[in-house]
Amino acid sequence: GRTVELEGITGTLVRLGRENGVPTPVNDALYAILKPWANRIQSSLE
């Protein structure tokens, strides 16, 4: 199986937005919704 690239794509956008004071509300919401799902997938691959 392939890993989810949530951290590398959406996580990076969210982090950079926070560091630079740029709101990223859509990415924040996507990250919050998908993070638990990505964690379950990652756990099943280990």
PDB file of N, CA and C in Angstrom:
ATOM      1  N   GLY A   1       0.811  -1.185   0.000  1.00  0.00           N
ATOM      2  CA  GLY A   1       0.000   0.000   0.000  1.00  0.00           C
ATOM      3  C   GLY A   1       0.857   1.252   0.000  1.00  0.00           C
ATOM      4  N   ARG A   2       0.266   2.309  -0.432  1.00  0.00           N
ATOM      5  CA  ARG A   2       0.966   3.588  -0.476  1.00  0.00           C
ATOM      6  C   ARG A   2       0.574   4.425   0.734  1.00  0.00           C
ATOM      7  N   THR A   3       1.518   5.211   1.218  1.00  0.00           N
ATOM      8  CA  THR A   3       1.225   6.068   2.358  1.00  0.00           C
ATOM      9  C   THR A   3       0.473   7.316   1.900  1.00  0.00           C
ATOM     10  N   VAL A   4      -0.245   7.893   2.801  1.00  0.00           N
ATOM     11  CA  VAL A   4      -0.991   9.118   2.527  1.00  0.00           C
ATOM     12  C   VAL A   4      -0.034  10.300   2.661  1.00  0.00           C
ATOM     13  N   GLU A   5      -0.066  11.209   1.717  1.00  0.00           N
ATOM     14  CA  GLU A   5       0.849  12.347   1.731  1.00  0.00           C
ATOM     15  C   GLU A   5       0.229  13.580   2.388  1.00  0.00           C
ATOM     16  N   LEU A   6      -0.594  13.351   3.385  1.00  0.00           N
ATOM     17  CA  LEU A   6      -1.280  14.447   4.064  1.00  0.00           C
ATOM     18  C   LEU A   6      -0.289  15.412   4.704  1.00  0.00           C
ATOM     19  N   GLU A   7       0.690  14.891   5.423  1.00  0.00           N
ATOM     20  CA  GLU A   7       1.666  15.750   6.092  1.00  0.00           C
ATOM     21  C   GLU A   7       2.484  16.544   5.081  1.00  0.00           C
ATOM     22  N   GLY A   8       2.929  15.874   4.031  1.00  0.00           N
ATOM     23  CA  GLY A   8       3.804  16.517   3.063  1.00  0.00           C
ATOM     24  C   GLY A   8       3.138  17.591   2.236  1.00  0.00           C
ATOM     25  N   ILE A   9       1.849  17.489   2.045  1.00  0.00           N
ATOM     26  CA  ILE A   9       1.154  18.465   1.206  1.00  0.00           C
ATOM     27  C   ILE A   9       0.326  19.407   2.074  1.00  0.00           C
ATOM     28  N   THR A  10      -0.756  18.913   2.626  1.00  0.00           N
ATOM     29  CA  THR A  10      -1.659  19.777   3.392  1.00  0.00           C
ATOM     30  C   THR A  10      -1.020  20.236   4.694  1.00  0.00           C
ATOM     31  N   GLY A  11      -0.315  19.334   5.367  1.00  0.00           N
ATOM     32  CA  GLY A  11       0.339  19.704   6.621  1.00  0.00           C
ATOM     33  C   GLY A  11       1.348  20.821   6.435  1.00  0.00           C
ATOM     34  N   THR A  12       2.097  20.762   5.343  1.00  0.00           N
ATOM     35  CA  THR A  12       3.076  21.808   5.054  1.00  0.00           C
ATOM     36  C   THR A  12       2.393  23.147   4.793  1.00  0.00           C
ATOM     37  N   LEU A  13       1.310  23.134   4.021  1.00  0.00           N
ATOM     38  CA  LEU A  13       0.580  24.379   3.751  1.00  0.00           C
ATOM     39  C   LEU A  13       0.029  24.990   5.034  1.00  0.00           C
ATOM     40  N   VAL A  14      -0.529  24.155   5.893  1.00  0.00           N
ATOM     41  CA  VAL A  14      -1.078  24.640   7.162  1.00  0.00           C
ATOM     42  C   VAL A  14       0.036  25.235   8.020  1.00  0.00           C
ATOM     43  N   ARG A  15       1.147  24.528   8.122  1.00  0.00           N
ATOM     44  CA  ARG A  15       2.277  24.999   8.941  1.00  0.00           C
ATOM     45  C   ARG A  15       2.848  26.309   8.404  1.00  0.00           C
ATOM     46  N   LEU A  16       3.083  26.375   7.094  1.00  0.00           N
ATOM     47  CA  LEU A  16       3.633  27.599   6.508  1.00  0.00           C
ATOM     48  C   LEU A  16       2.667  28.773   6.652  1.00  0.00           C
ATOM     49  N   GLY A  17       1.384  28.507   6.512  1.00  0.00           N
ATOM     50  CA  GLY A  17       0.399  29.562   6.706  1.00  0.00           C
ATOM     51  C   GLY A  17       0.453  30.121   8.116  1.00  0.00           C
ATOM     52  N   ARG A  18       0.524  29.239   9.096  1.00  0.00           N
ATOM     53  CA  ARG A  18       0.594  29.688  10.502  1.00  0.00           C
ATOM     54  C   ARG A  18       1.878  30.464  10.765  1.00  0.00           C
ATOM     55  N   GLU A  19       3.001  29.953  10.240  1.00  0.00           N
ATOM     56  CA  GLU A  19       4.291  30.616  10.461  1.00  0.00           C
ATOM     57  C   GLU A  19       4.339  32.008   9.843  1.00  0.00           C
ATOM     58  N   ASN A  20       3.608  32.213   8.760  1.00  0.00           N
ATOM     59  CA  ASN A  20       3.660  33.482   8.036  1.00  0.00           C
ATOM     60  C   ASN A  20       2.413  34.340   8.203  1.00  0.00           C
ATOM     61  N   GLY A  21       1.524  33.934   9.101  1.00  0.00           N
ATOM     62  CA  GLY A  21       0.326  34.717   9.367  1.00  0.00           C
ATOM     63  C   GLY A  21      -0.672  34.742   8.222  1.00  0.00           C
ATOM     64  N   VAL A  22      -0.670  33.682   7.412  1.00  0.00           N
ATOM     65  CA  VAL A  22      -1.590  33.594   6.277  1.00  0.00           C
ATOM     66  C   VAL A  22      -2.684  32.586   6.616  1.00  0.00           C
ATOM     67  N   PRO A  23      -3.940  33.009   6.630  1.00  0.00           N
ATOM     68  CA  PRO A  23      -5.027  32.075   6.920  1.00  0.00           C
ATOM     69  C   PRO A  23      -5.156  31.010   5.828  1.00  0.00           C
ATOM     70  N   THR A  24      -5.345  29.780   6.243  1.00  0.00           N
ATOM     71  CA  THR A  24      -5.554  28.669   5.303  1.00  0.00           C
ATOM     72  C   THR A  24      -6.753  27.848   5.788  1.00  0.00           C
ATOM     73  N   PRO A  25      -7.938  28.453   5.828  1.00  0.00           N
ATOM     74  CA  PRO A  25      -9.088  27.787   6.446  1.00  0.00           C
ATOM     75  C   PRO A  25      -9.503  26.487   5.765  1.00  0.00           C
ATOM     76  N   VAL A  26      -9.432  26.427   4.459  1.00  0.00           N
ATOM     77  CA  VAL A  26      -9.828  25.193   3.768  1.00  0.00           C
ATOM     78  C   VAL A  26      -8.828  24.087   4.070  1.00  0.00           C
ATOM     79  N   ASN A  27      -7.539  24.405   4.009  1.00  0.00           N
ATOM     80  CA  ASN A  27      -6.525  23.402   4.321  1.00  0.00           C
ATOM     81  C   ASN A  27      -6.572  22.995   5.789  1.00  0.00           C
ATOM     82  N   ASP A  28      -6.849  23.945   6.673  1.00  0.00           N
ATOM     83  CA  ASP A  28      -6.993  23.616   8.097  1.00  0.00           C
ATOM     84  C   ASP A  28      -8.111  22.597   8.296  1.00  0.00           C
ATOM     85  N   ALA A  29      -9.244  22.829   7.633  1.00  0.00           N
ATOM     86  CA  ALA A  29     -10.390  21.921   7.764  1.00  0.00           C
ATOM     87  C   ALA A  29     -10.078  20.558   7.170  1.00  0.00           C
ATOM     88  N   LEU A  30      -9.488  20.537   5.983  1.00  0.00           N
ATOM     89  CA  LEU A  30      -9.127  19.259   5.358  1.00  0.00           C
ATOM     90  C   LEU A  30      -8.172  18.465   6.240  1.00  0.00           C
ATOM     91  N   TYR A  31      -7.178  19.149   6.782  1.00  0.00           N
ATOM     92  CA  TYR A  31      -6.195  18.483   7.630  1.00  0.00           C
ATOM     93  C   TYR A  31      -6.863  17.897   8.874  1.00  0.00           C
ATOM     94  N   ALA A  32      -7.730  18.675   9.503  1.00  0.00           N
ATOM     95  CA  ALA A  32      -8.415  18.207  10.714  1.00  0.00           C
ATOM     96  C   ALA A  32      -9.313  17.009  10.426  1.00  0.00           C
ATOM     97  N   ILE A  33      -9.945  17.005   9.272  1.00  0.00           N
ATOM     98  CA  ILE A  33     -10.834  15.900   8.906  1.00  0.00           C
ATOM     99  C   ILE A  33     -10.048  14.654   8.512  1.00  0.00           C
ATOM    100  N   LEU A  34      -8.985  14.836   7.740  1.00  0.00           N
ATOM    101  CA  LEU A  34      -8.261  13.692   7.183  1.00  0.00           C
ATOM    102  C   LEU A  34      -7.176  13.114   8.090  1.00  0.00           C
ATOM    103  N   LYS A  35      -6.690  13.871   9.059  1.00  0.00           N
ATOM    104  CA  LYS A  35      -5.593  13.392   9.917  1.00  0.00           C
ATOM    105  C   LYS A  35      -5.938  12.090  10.640  1.00  0.00           C
ATOM    106  N   PRO A  36      -7.109  11.958  11.276  1.00  0.00           N
ATOM    107  CA  PRO A  36      -7.424  10.677  11.937  1.00  0.00           C
ATOM    108  C   PRO A  36      -7.462   9.509  10.946  1.00  0.00           C
ATOM    109  N   TRP A  37      -7.996   9.748   9.762  1.00  0.00           N
ATOM    110  CA  TRP A  37      -8.048   8.718   8.717  1.00  0.00           C
ATOM    111  C   TRP A  37      -6.632   8.317   8.293  1.00  0.00           C
ATOM    112  N   ALA A  38      -5.765   9.303   8.077  1.00  0.00           N
ATOM    113  CA  ALA A  38      -4.384   9.028   7.679  1.00  0.00           C
ATOM    114  C   ALA A  38      -3.649   8.256   8.774  1.00  0.00           C
ATOM    115  N   ASN A  39      -3.909   8.591  10.030  1.00  0.00           N
ATOM    116  CA  ASN A  39      -3.276   7.874  11.140  1.00  0.00           C
ATOM    117  C   ASN A  39      -3.694   6.403  11.150  1.00  0.00           C
ATOM    118  N   ARG A  40      -4.984   6.132  10.887  1.00  0.00           N
ATOM    119  CA  ARG A  40      -5.453   4.741  10.847  1.00  0.00           C
ATOM    120  C   ARG A  40      -4.790   3.977   9.706  1.00  0.00           C
ATOM    121  N   ILE A  41      -4.686   4.607   8.549  1.00  0.00           N
ATOM    122  CA  ILE A  41      -4.042   3.943   7.407  1.00  0.00           C
ATOM    123  C   ILE A  41      -2.579   3.667   7.720  1.00  0.00           C
ATOM    124  N   GLN A  42      -1.880   4.660   8.263  1.00  0.00           N
ATOM    125  CA  GLN A  42      -0.462   4.487   8.585  1.00  0.00           C
ATOM    126  C   GLN A  42      -0.277   3.365   9.599  1.00  0.00           C
ATOM    127  N   SER A  43      -1.152   3.291  10.598  1.00  0.00           N
ATOM    128  CA  SER A  43      -1.058   2.234  11.610  1.00  0.00           C
ATOM    129  C   SER A  43      -1.261   0.859  10.995  1.00  0.00           C
ATOM    130  N   SER A  44      -2.156   0.762  10.025  1.00  0.00           N
ATOM    131  CA  SER A  44      -2.419  -0.537   9.402  1.00  0.00           C
ATOM    132  C   SER A  44      -1.273  -0.983   8.502  1.00  0.00           C
ATOM    133  N   LEU A  45      -0.427  -0.045   8.061  1.00  0.00           N
ATOM    134  CA  LEU A  45       0.703  -0.390   7.196  1.00  0.00           C
ATOM    135  C   LEU A  45       1.925  -0.822   7.991  1.00  0.00           C
ATOM    136  N   GLU A  46       1.928  -0.528   9.275  1.00  0.00           N
ATOM    137  CA  GLU A  46       3.102  -0.850  10.102  1.00  0.00           C
ATOM    138  C   GLU A  46       3.065  -2.265  10.603  1.00  0.00           C
TER     139      GLU A  46
END
